[in-house]
Amino acid sequence: MKKRFGVLRVLSSILKILGIVVAALAVLGGLIAFVMSFAGGDLFQSMGIDSTGGVLAGLMGAFMIVVVGALYAVFLYGYGELLMLLVSMEENTFKTVKLLEDVTSEEKLETEKVVTEKAK
């Protein structure tokens, strides 16, 4: 049987890959912000923040980048999985309908056979 809903399958794969890429970029961005919070003391001093406050702001920024990025990645990956779930549900429903059609057609044939034998 030919696979149906090819576009949804491709879109699901793209969303899952995008979710993994976003997670990796969030971790990388968090690491960069973490390193910059220690290395970029001059940057924070130019904004009027003392070096201790700059480190704390950098750590909080790094934490927020990782948390928000991870949440976004989970949503993207989850939407990809949701599409695959819906496609799988449709396939199972389609198979069930085909099975029921086969069973009812066999029952009709048996019923017709019994009726014709009784008529003889």
C-alpha atoms as a PDB file:
ATOM      1  CA  MET A   1       0.000   0.000   0.000  1.00  0.00           C
ATOM      2  CA  LYS A   2       1.250   3.454  -0.902  1.00  0.00           C
ATOM      3  CA  LYS A   3       2.182   5.757   1.961  1.00  0.00           C
ATOM      4  CA  ARG A   4      -0.211   8.664   2.201  1.00  0.00           C
ATOM      5  CA  PHE A   5       0.339  12.194   3.496  1.00  0.00           C
ATOM      6  CA  GLY A   6       3.919  12.541   2.297  1.00  0.00           C
ATOM      7  CA  VAL A   7       3.990  16.284   2.948  1.00  0.00           C
ATOM      8  CA  LEU A   8       2.987  15.812   6.579  1.00  0.00           C
ATOM      9  CA  ARG A   9       5.695  13.187   7.039  1.00  0.00           C
ATOM     10  CA  VAL A  10       8.314  15.538   5.578  1.00  0.00           C
ATOM     11  CA  LEU A  11       7.044  18.446   7.686  1.00  0.00           C
ATOM     12  CA  SER A  12       7.187  16.262  10.787  1.00  0.00           C
ATOM     13  CA  SER A  13      10.799  15.321  10.067  1.00  0.00           C
ATOM     14  CA  ILE A  14      11.717  18.961   9.429  1.00  0.00           C
ATOM     15  CA  LEU A  15      10.138  20.054  12.717  1.00  0.00           C
ATOM     16  CA  LYS A  16      11.951  17.342  14.669  1.00  0.00           C
ATOM     17  CA  ILE A  17      15.300  18.213  13.077  1.00  0.00           C
ATOM     18  CA  LEU A  18      14.654  21.900  13.695  1.00  0.00           C
ATOM     19  CA  GLY A  19      13.882  21.123  17.337  1.00  0.00           C
ATOM     20  CA  ILE A  20      17.224  19.341  17.749  1.00  0.00           C
ATOM     21  CA  VAL A  21      19.088  22.196  16.031  1.00  0.00           C
ATOM     22  CA  VAL A  22      17.374  24.792  18.234  1.00  0.00           C
ATOM     23  CA  ALA A  23      18.296  22.810  21.356  1.00  0.00           C
ATOM     24  CA  ALA A  24      21.937  22.649  20.283  1.00  0.00           C
ATOM     25  CA  LEU A  25      21.997  26.369  19.469  1.00  0.00           C
ATOM     26  CA  ALA A  26      20.379  27.218  22.806  1.00  0.00           C
ATOM     27  CA  VAL A  27      23.051  25.300  24.695  1.00  0.00           C
ATOM     28  CA  LEU A  28      25.765  26.905  22.568  1.00  0.00           C
ATOM     29  CA  GLY A  29      24.267  30.379  23.101  1.00  0.00           C
ATOM     30  CA  GLY A  30      24.033  29.747  26.833  1.00  0.00           C
ATOM     31  CA  LEU A  31      27.682  28.692  26.960  1.00  0.00           C
ATOM     32  CA  ILE A  32      28.735  31.770  25.005  1.00  0.00           C
ATOM     33  CA  ALA A  33      26.749  34.041  27.320  1.00  0.00           C
ATOM     34  CA  PHE A  34      28.230  32.239  30.337  1.00  0.00           C
ATOM     35  CA  VAL A  35      31.797  32.737  29.090  1.00  0.00           C
ATOM     36  CA  MET A  36      31.115  36.327  28.086  1.00  0.00           C
ATOM     37  CA  SER A  37      29.785  37.090  31.560  1.00  0.00           C
ATOM     38  CA  PHE A  38      33.232  36.364  32.982  1.00  0.00           C
ATOM     39  CA  ALA A  39      35.353  37.544  30.072  1.00  0.00           C
ATOM     40  CA  GLY A  40      33.349  40.637  29.194  1.00  0.00           C
ATOM     41  CA  GLY A  41      33.708  42.645  32.386  1.00  0.00           C
ATOM     42  CA  ASP A  42      34.616  45.741  30.404  1.00  0.00           C
ATOM     43  CA  LEU A  43      31.433  45.444  28.397  1.00  0.00           C
ATOM     44  CA  PHE A  44      29.284  45.533  31.527  1.00  0.00           C
ATOM     45  CA  GLN A  45      31.346  48.353  33.088  1.00  0.00           C
ATOM     46  CA  SER A  46      30.743  50.469  29.989  1.00  0.00           C
ATOM     47  CA  MET A  47      27.005  50.058  30.600  1.00  0.00           C
ATOM     48  CA  GLY A  48      27.361  51.239  34.183  1.00  0.00           C
ATOM     49  CA  ILE A  49      27.134  47.833  35.847  1.00  0.00           C
ATOM     50  CA  ASP A  50      29.886  46.822  38.230  1.00  0.00           C
ATOM     51  CA  SER A  51      31.804  43.629  37.464  1.00  0.00           C
ATOM     52  CA  THR A  52      29.992  41.514  40.084  1.00  0.00           C
ATOM     53  CA  GLY A  53      26.589  42.589  38.818  1.00  0.00           C
ATOM     54  CA  GLY A  54      27.750  41.977  35.262  1.00  0.00           C
ATOM     55  CA  VAL A  55      28.712  38.398  36.075  1.00  0.00           C
ATOM     56  CA  LEU A  56      25.364  37.827  37.751  1.00  0.00           C
ATOM     57  CA  ALA A  57      23.508  39.366  34.795  1.00  0.00           C
ATOM     58  CA  GLY A  58      25.514  37.200  32.420  1.00  0.00           C
ATOM     59  CA  LEU A  59      24.751  34.048  34.392  1.00  0.00           C
ATOM     60  CA  MET A  60      21.050  34.858  34.504  1.00  0.00           C
ATOM     61  CA  GLY A  61      21.092  35.647  30.790  1.00  0.00           C
ATOM     62  CA  ALA A  62      22.845  32.358  30.023  1.00  0.00           C
ATOM     63  CA  PHE A  63      20.327  30.471  32.146  1.00  0.00           C
ATOM     64  CA  MET A  64      17.387  32.160  30.423  1.00  0.00           C
ATOM     65  CA  ILE A  65      18.827  31.475  26.960  1.00  0.00           C
ATOM     66  CA  VAL A  66      19.131  27.772  27.768  1.00  0.00           C
ATOM     67  CA  VAL A  67      15.683  27.503  29.379  1.00  0.00           C
ATOM     68  CA  VAL A  68      13.782  29.400  26.676  1.00  0.00           C
ATOM     69  CA  GLY A  69      15.711  27.656  23.899  1.00  0.00           C
ATOM     70  CA  ALA A  70      15.068  24.237  25.413  1.00  0.00           C
ATOM     71  CA  LEU A  71      11.376  24.998  25.798  1.00  0.00           C
ATOM     72  CA  TYR A  72      11.142  26.140  22.186  1.00  0.00           C
ATOM     73  CA  ALA A  73      13.033  23.030  21.043  1.00  0.00           C
ATOM     74  CA  VAL A  74      10.668  20.766  22.981  1.00  0.00           C
ATOM     75  CA  PHE A  75       7.661  22.455  21.377  1.00  0.00           C
ATOM     76  CA  LEU A  76       9.104  22.081  17.883  1.00  0.00           C
ATOM     77  CA  TYR A  77       9.974  18.433  18.429  1.00  0.00           C
ATOM     78  CA  GLY A  78       6.584  17.829  20.043  1.00  0.00           C
ATOM     79  CA  TYR A  79       4.729  19.300  17.072  1.00  0.00           C
ATOM     80  CA  GLY A  80       6.698  17.004  14.780  1.00  0.00           C
ATOM     81  CA  GLU A  81       5.751  14.011  16.902  1.00  0.00           C
ATOM     82  CA  LEU A  82       2.128  15.182  17.006  1.00  0.00           C
ATOM     83  CA  LEU A  83       1.981  15.186  13.218  1.00  0.00           C
ATOM     84  CA  MET A  84       3.350  11.635  13.123  1.00  0.00           C
ATOM     85  CA  LEU A  85       0.821  10.577  15.761  1.00  0.00           C
ATOM     86  CA  LEU A  86      -2.047  11.966  13.702  1.00  0.00           C
ATOM     87  CA  VAL A  87      -0.774  10.279  10.534  1.00  0.00           C
ATOM     88  CA  SER A  88      -0.436   6.973  12.414  1.00  0.00           C
ATOM     89  CA  MET A  89      -3.965   7.310  13.768  1.00  0.00           C
ATOM     90  CA  GLU A  90      -5.283   7.880  10.263  1.00  0.00           C
ATOM     91  CA  GLU A  91      -3.382   4.843   8.951  1.00  0.00           C
ATOM     92  CA  ASN A  92      -4.731   2.615  11.719  1.00  0.00           C
ATOM     93  CA  THR A  93      -8.258   3.878  11.142  1.00  0.00           C
ATOM     94  CA  PHE A  94      -7.899   3.214   7.420  1.00  0.00           C
ATOM     95  CA  LYS A  95      -6.644  -0.337   8.083  1.00  0.00           C
ATOM     96  CA  THR A  96      -9.538  -0.973  10.463  1.00  0.00           C
ATOM     97  CA  VAL A  97     -12.069   0.186   7.881  1.00  0.00           C
ATOM     98  CA  LYS A  98     -10.515  -2.078   5.237  1.00  0.00           C
ATOM     99  CA  LEU A  99     -10.561  -5.036   7.646  1.00  0.00           C
ATOM    100  CA  LEU A 100     -14.205  -4.420   8.538  1.00  0.00           C
ATOM    101  CA  GLU A 101     -15.119  -4.126   4.866  1.00  0.00           C
ATOM    102  CA  ASP A 102     -13.449  -7.487   4.186  1.00  0.00           C
ATOM    103  CA  VAL A 103     -15.214  -9.139   7.134  1.00  0.00           C
ATOM    104  CA  THR A 104     -18.639  -7.802   6.131  1.00  0.00           C
ATOM    105  CA  SER A 105     -18.141  -8.821   2.493  1.00  0.00           C
ATOM    106  CA  GLU A 106     -17.225 -12.364   3.624  1.00  0.00           C
ATOM    107  CA  GLU A 107     -20.301 -12.477   5.856  1.00  0.00           C
ATOM    108  CA  LYS A 108     -22.495 -11.368   2.952  1.00  0.00           C
ATOM    109  CA  LEU A 109     -21.071 -14.119   0.753  1.00  0.00           C
ATOM    110  CA  GLU A 110     -21.663 -16.747   3.455  1.00  0.00           C
ATOM    111  CA  THR A 111     -25.194 -15.477   4.035  1.00  0.00           C
ATOM    112  CA  GLU A 112     -25.977 -15.593   0.311  1.00  0.00           C
ATOM    113  CA  LYS A 113     -24.548 -19.121   0.122  1.00  0.00           C
ATOM    114  CA  VAL A 114     -26.732 -20.297   3.028  1.00  0.00           C
ATOM    115  CA  VAL A 115     -29.823 -18.656   1.519  1.00  0.00           C
ATOM    116  CA  THR A 116     -29.246 -20.278  -1.888  1.00  0.00           C
ATOM    117  CA  GLU A 117     -28.682 -23.704  -0.269  1.00  0.00           C
ATOM    118  CA  LYS A 118     -31.931 -23.420   1.705  1.00  0.00           C
ATOM    119  CA  ALA A 119     -33.785 -22.372  -1.432  1.00  0.00           C
ATOM    120  CA  LYS A 120     -32.753 -25.613  -3.150  1.00  0.00           C
END
